[in-house]
Amino acid sequence: MVKNLAKFLFIIYILGLIWLVLFKLSFNPITYLEFTNTRSLNLVPLAMSGGRKEVLFNIIAFIPFGILFGMNASKGSFFIKVFLSSSLSFLFEVSQYYLAIGATDITDVMTNTLGALMGLSGYGLLVKFFSKSKVDFIVTTLFTFLLIFTLFFIFSELRPEI
């Protein structure tokens, strides 16, 4: 059961990242795509176009990805997992450029990859000190509560005032 829940949470998290990175949490993605026509490209690492806050946010946003990816892809080398995490971030950035929905920035790829690396490393360390089944149970329980809380928050914000 924990394994299936971990897969479900990973899929939900990836969908959440798509919603966050590509659609900036818009509840109407089609309208967002129609009215957003911003395309910029920064290939200078750490040029800090978004500032330190954005760098920190990118790292934090990808730490759970690394944790869930580590749980769900227990086979395969650590470096392949980091490469695939980096590839996902690169895909997000290329999609932003292609769809003209934001700034494509090499720093984002670097910071997203760093966040995933931190998540993968943290998960790997926990598994070294505790049993994988115990770590997986605790992580899926924590992420399930966070998902429920997040959905509650989102839908309570959408509810019209009476």
C-alpha atoms as a PDB file:
ATOM      1  CA  MET A   1       0.000   0.000   0.000  1.00  0.00           C
ATOM      2  CA  VAL A   2       2.814   2.430   0.852  1.00  0.00           C
ATOM      3  CA  LYS A   3       4.425   1.760  -2.530  1.00  0.00           C
ATOM      4  CA  ASN A   4       1.223   2.614  -4.427  1.00  0.00           C
ATOM      5  CA  LEU A   5       0.649   5.697  -2.289  1.00  0.00           C
ATOM      6  CA  ALA A   6       4.231   6.822  -2.957  1.00  0.00           C
ATOM      7  CA  LYS A   7       3.648   6.494  -6.716  1.00  0.00           C
ATOM      8  CA  PHE A   8       0.387   8.429  -6.449  1.00  0.00           C
ATOM      9  CA  LEU A   9       2.046  11.196  -4.415  1.00  0.00           C
ATOM     10  CA  PHE A  10       4.907  11.396  -6.914  1.00  0.00           C
ATOM     11  CA  ILE A  11       2.485  11.824  -9.820  1.00  0.00           C
ATOM     12  CA  ILE A  12       0.506  14.454  -7.902  1.00  0.00           C
ATOM     13  CA  TYR A  13       3.733  16.278  -7.045  1.00  0.00           C
ATOM     14  CA  ILE A  14       4.874  16.329 -10.688  1.00  0.00           C
ATOM     15  CA  LEU A  15       1.462  17.672 -11.726  1.00  0.00           C
ATOM     16  CA  GLY A  16       1.806  20.288  -8.992  1.00  0.00           C
ATOM     17  CA  LEU A  17       5.238  21.260 -10.300  1.00  0.00           C
ATOM     18  CA  ILE A  18       3.818  21.620 -13.806  1.00  0.00           C
ATOM     19  CA  TRP A  19       1.025  23.802 -12.425  1.00  0.00           C
ATOM     20  CA  LEU A  20       3.524  25.864 -10.438  1.00  0.00           C
ATOM     21  CA  VAL A  21       6.377  26.205 -12.928  1.00  0.00           C
ATOM     22  CA  LEU A  22       4.478  26.463 -16.185  1.00  0.00           C
ATOM     23  CA  PHE A  23       1.153  27.985 -15.187  1.00  0.00           C
ATOM     24  CA  LYS A  24       2.196  29.958 -12.059  1.00  0.00           C
ATOM     25  CA  LEU A  25      -0.677  28.408 -10.059  1.00  0.00           C
ATOM     26  CA  SER A  26      -3.300  29.791 -12.458  1.00  0.00           C
ATOM     27  CA  PHE A  27      -6.706  28.135 -12.135  1.00  0.00           C
ATOM     28  CA  ASN A  28      -7.348  28.716 -15.821  1.00  0.00           C
ATOM     29  CA  PRO A  29      -4.255  27.451 -17.687  1.00  0.00           C
ATOM     30  CA  ILE A  30      -5.758  27.990 -21.147  1.00  0.00           C
ATOM     31  CA  THR A  31      -6.442  31.662 -20.447  1.00  0.00           C
ATOM     32  CA  TYR A  32      -2.997  31.958 -18.898  1.00  0.00           C
ATOM     33  CA  LEU A  33      -1.442  30.595 -22.096  1.00  0.00           C
ATOM     34  CA  GLU A  34      -3.552  32.924 -24.246  1.00  0.00           C
ATOM     35  CA  PHE A  35      -2.720  36.127 -22.384  1.00  0.00           C
ATOM     36  CA  THR A  36       0.844  35.491 -21.308  1.00  0.00           C
ATOM     37  CA  ASN A  37       3.310  36.266 -24.015  1.00  0.00           C
ATOM     38  CA  THR A  38       6.583  36.590 -22.179  1.00  0.00           C
ATOM     39  CA  ARG A  39       9.666  34.984 -23.557  1.00  0.00           C
ATOM     40  CA  SER A  40      13.165  35.631 -22.304  1.00  0.00           C
ATOM     41  CA  LEU A  41      16.304  33.574 -22.212  1.00  0.00           C
ATOM     42  CA  ASN A  42      19.151  33.814 -19.719  1.00  0.00           C
ATOM     43  CA  LEU A  43      22.124  31.527 -20.263  1.00  0.00           C
ATOM     44  CA  VAL A  44      24.381  33.282 -17.747  1.00  0.00           C
ATOM     45  CA  PRO A  45      24.503  31.182 -14.569  1.00  0.00           C
ATOM     46  CA  LEU A  46      23.650  32.961 -11.329  1.00  0.00           C
ATOM     47  CA  ALA A  47      22.756  36.229 -13.055  1.00  0.00           C
ATOM     48  CA  MET A  48      20.016  36.383 -10.393  1.00  0.00           C
ATOM     49  CA  SER A  49      17.245  37.739 -12.607  1.00  0.00           C
ATOM     50  CA  GLY A  50      14.693  36.719  -9.979  1.00  0.00           C
ATOM     51  CA  GLY A  51      16.850  37.371  -6.942  1.00  0.00           C
ATOM     52  CA  ARG A  52      17.833  35.277  -3.957  1.00  0.00           C
ATOM     53  CA  LYS A  53      14.226  34.626  -2.993  1.00  0.00           C
ATOM     54  CA  GLU A  54      13.535  32.878  -6.308  1.00  0.00           C
ATOM     55  CA  VAL A  55      16.740  30.842  -6.020  1.00  0.00           C
ATOM     56  CA  LEU A  56      15.731  29.654  -2.549  1.00  0.00           C
ATOM     57  CA  PHE A  57      12.177  28.940  -3.717  1.00  0.00           C
ATOM     58  CA  ASN A  58      13.456  26.823  -6.637  1.00  0.00           C
ATOM     59  CA  ILE A  59      15.639  24.772  -4.332  1.00  0.00           C
ATOM     60  CA  ILE A  60      12.839  24.241  -1.804  1.00  0.00           C
ATOM     61  CA  ALA A  61      10.302  23.348  -4.517  1.00  0.00           C
ATOM     62  CA  PHE A  62      12.482  20.509  -5.821  1.00  0.00           C
ATOM     63  CA  ILE A  63      13.558  18.946  -2.506  1.00  0.00           C
ATOM     64  CA  PRO A  64      10.272  16.983  -2.207  1.00  0.00           C
ATOM     65  CA  PHE A  65      10.682  15.946  -5.838  1.00  0.00           C
ATOM     66  CA  GLY A  66      14.066  14.425  -4.982  1.00  0.00           C
ATOM     67  CA  ILE A  67      12.647  12.631  -1.963  1.00  0.00           C
ATOM     68  CA  LEU A  68       9.686  11.177  -3.858  1.00  0.00           C
ATOM     69  CA  PHE A  69      11.843  10.334  -6.864  1.00  0.00           C
ATOM     70  CA  GLY A  70      14.284   8.495  -4.591  1.00  0.00           C
ATOM     71  CA  MET A  71      11.421   6.537  -3.066  1.00  0.00           C
ATOM     72  CA  ASN A  72       9.877   5.576  -6.376  1.00  0.00           C
ATOM     73  CA  ALA A  73      13.063   4.876  -8.320  1.00  0.00           C
ATOM     74  CA  SER A  74      14.925   2.753  -5.815  1.00  0.00           C
ATOM     75  CA  LYS A  75      16.829   1.023  -8.610  1.00  0.00           C
ATOM     76  CA  GLY A  76      19.286   2.955 -10.706  1.00  0.00           C
ATOM     77  CA  SER A  77      22.358   4.921  -9.854  1.00  0.00           C
ATOM     78  CA  PHE A  78      22.306   8.137  -7.891  1.00  0.00           C
ATOM     79  CA  PHE A  79      23.892  10.012 -10.799  1.00  0.00           C
ATOM     80  CA  ILE A  80      21.216   8.828 -13.235  1.00  0.00           C
ATOM     81  CA  LYS A  81      18.554  10.103 -10.822  1.00  0.00           C
ATOM     82  CA  VAL A  82      20.291  13.484 -10.595  1.00  0.00           C
ATOM     83  CA  PHE A  83      20.603  13.586 -14.393  1.00  0.00           C
ATOM     84  CA  LEU A  84      16.891  12.787 -14.825  1.00  0.00           C
ATOM     85  CA  SER A  85      15.970  15.445 -12.255  1.00  0.00           C
ATOM     86  CA  SER A  86      18.072  17.969 -14.144  1.00  0.00           C
ATOM     87  CA  SER A  87      16.468  16.863 -17.408  1.00  0.00           C
ATOM     88  CA  LEU A  88      12.986  17.467 -15.990  1.00  0.00           C
ATOM     89  CA  SER A  89      13.991  20.956 -14.898  1.00  0.00           C
ATOM     90  CA  PHE A  90      15.503  21.610 -18.338  1.00  0.00           C
ATOM     91  CA  LEU A  91      12.261  20.404 -19.953  1.00  0.00           C
ATOM     92  CA  PHE A  92      10.285  22.856 -17.802  1.00  0.00           C
ATOM     93  CA  GLU A  93      12.539  25.735 -18.836  1.00  0.00           C
ATOM     94  CA  VAL A  94      12.403  24.844 -22.540  1.00  0.00           C
ATOM     95  CA  SER A  95       8.604  24.560 -22.283  1.00  0.00           C
ATOM     96  CA  GLN A  96       8.404  28.036 -20.758  1.00  0.00           C
ATOM     97  CA  TYR A  97      10.399  29.417 -23.659  1.00  0.00           C
ATOM     98  CA  TYR A  98       8.495  27.490 -26.319  1.00  0.00           C
ATOM     99  CA  LEU A  99       5.084  28.440 -24.873  1.00  0.00           C
ATOM    100  CA  ALA A 100       6.216  32.049 -24.183  1.00  0.00           C
ATOM    101  CA  ILE A 101       5.064  31.849 -20.580  1.00  0.00           C
ATOM    102  CA  GLY A 102       8.016  33.138 -18.650  1.00  0.00           C
ATOM    103  CA  ALA A 103      11.720  33.508 -18.285  1.00  0.00           C
ATOM    104  CA  THR A 104      13.896  30.600 -19.320  1.00  0.00           C
ATOM    105  CA  ASP A 105      16.883  30.724 -17.009  1.00  0.00           C
ATOM    106  CA  ILE A 106      19.878  28.404 -16.647  1.00  0.00           C
ATOM    107  CA  THR A 107      20.013  29.357 -12.962  1.00  0.00           C
ATOM    108  CA  ASP A 108      16.571  27.789 -12.523  1.00  0.00           C
ATOM    109  CA  VAL A 109      17.854  24.512 -13.962  1.00  0.00           C
ATOM    110  CA  MET A 110      20.829  24.639 -11.604  1.00  0.00           C
ATOM    111  CA  THR A 111      18.799  25.475  -8.478  1.00  0.00           C
ATOM    112  CA  ASN A 112      16.035  22.991  -9.278  1.00  0.00           C
ATOM    113  CA  THR A 113      18.675  20.301  -9.750  1.00  0.00           C
ATOM    114  CA  LEU A 114      20.309  21.305  -6.460  1.00  0.00           C
ATOM    115  CA  GLY A 115      16.955  20.937  -4.691  1.00  0.00           C
ATOM    116  CA  ALA A 116      16.394  17.493  -6.221  1.00  0.00           C
ATOM    117  CA  LEU A 117      19.954  16.534  -5.290  1.00  0.00           C
ATOM    118  CA  MET A 118      19.302  17.590  -1.692  1.00  0.00           C
ATOM    119  CA  GLY A 119      16.067  15.571  -1.602  1.00  0.00           C
ATOM    120  CA  LEU A 120      17.709  12.488  -3.109  1.00  0.00           C
ATOM    121  CA  SER A 121      20.657  12.780  -0.698  1.00  0.00           C
ATOM    122  CA  GLY A 122      18.434  13.296   2.331  1.00  0.00           C
ATOM    123  CA  TYR A 123      16.307  10.312   1.431  1.00  0.00           C
ATOM    124  CA  GLY A 124      19.414   8.203   0.808  1.00  0.00           C
ATOM    125  CA  LEU A 125      20.856   9.149   4.200  1.00  0.00           C
ATOM    126  CA  LEU A 126      17.632   8.292   5.994  1.00  0.00           C
ATOM    127  CA  VAL A 127      17.524   4.895   4.314  1.00  0.00           C
ATOM    128  CA  LYS A 128      21.121   4.224   5.420  1.00  0.00           C
ATOM    129  CA  PHE A 129      20.245   4.839   9.069  1.00  0.00           C
ATOM    130  CA  PHE A 130      16.696   3.431   9.163  1.00  0.00           C
ATOM    131  CA  SER A 131      14.872   0.702   7.276  1.00  0.00           C
ATOM    132  CA  LYS A 132      13.562   1.676   3.857  1.00  0.00           C
ATOM    133  CA  SER A 133      10.055   0.536   4.748  1.00  0.00           C
ATOM    134  CA  LYS A 134      10.008   2.736   7.862  1.00  0.00           C
ATOM    135  CA  VAL A 135      11.341   5.769   5.978  1.00  0.00           C
ATOM    136  CA  ASP A 136       8.862   5.216   3.147  1.00  0.00           C
ATOM    137  CA  PHE A 137       5.969   4.930   5.606  1.00  0.00           C
ATOM    138  CA  ILE A 138       6.926   8.143   7.417  1.00  0.00           C
ATOM    139  CA  VAL A 139       7.543  10.080   4.199  1.00  0.00           C
ATOM    140  CA  THR A 140       4.283   8.968   2.545  1.00  0.00           C
ATOM    141  CA  THR A 141       2.346   9.762   5.718  1.00  0.00           C
ATOM    142  CA  LEU A 142       3.915  13.226   5.916  1.00  0.00           C
ATOM    143  CA  PHE A 143       3.346  13.954   2.227  1.00  0.00           C
ATOM    144  CA  THR A 144      -0.252  12.716   2.432  1.00  0.00           C
ATOM    145  CA  PHE A 145      -0.998  15.134   5.270  1.00  0.00           C
ATOM    146  CA  LEU A 146       0.749  17.952   3.390  1.00  0.00           C
ATOM    147  CA  LEU A 147      -1.297  17.160   0.276  1.00  0.00           C
ATOM    148  CA  ILE A 148      -4.557  17.166   2.236  1.00  0.00           C
ATOM    149  CA  PHE A 149      -3.615  20.438   3.934  1.00  0.00           C
ATOM    150  CA  THR A 150      -2.622  22.031   0.614  1.00  0.00           C
ATOM    151  CA  LEU A 151      -5.836  20.937  -1.113  1.00  0.00           C
ATOM    152  CA  PHE A 152      -7.884  22.181   1.830  1.00  0.00           C
ATOM    153  CA  PHE A 153      -6.095  25.534   1.659  1.00  0.00           C
ATOM    154  CA  ILE A 154      -6.532  25.851  -2.126  1.00  0.00           C
ATOM    155  CA  PHE A 155     -10.210  24.977  -2.068  1.00  0.00           C
ATOM    156  CA  SER A 156     -10.964  27.128   0.964  1.00  0.00           C
ATOM    157  CA  GLU A 157      -9.446  30.079  -0.923  1.00  0.00           C
ATOM    158  CA  LEU A 158     -11.684  29.316  -3.917  1.00  0.00           C
ATOM    159  CA  ARG A 159     -14.877  29.169  -1.890  1.00  0.00           C
ATOM    160  CA  PRO A 160     -16.996  32.282  -2.468  1.00  0.00           C
ATOM    161  CA  GLU A 161     -17.611  34.489   0.555  1.00  0.00           C
ATOM    162  CA  ILE A 162     -21.186  34.391   1.888  1.00  0.00           C
END
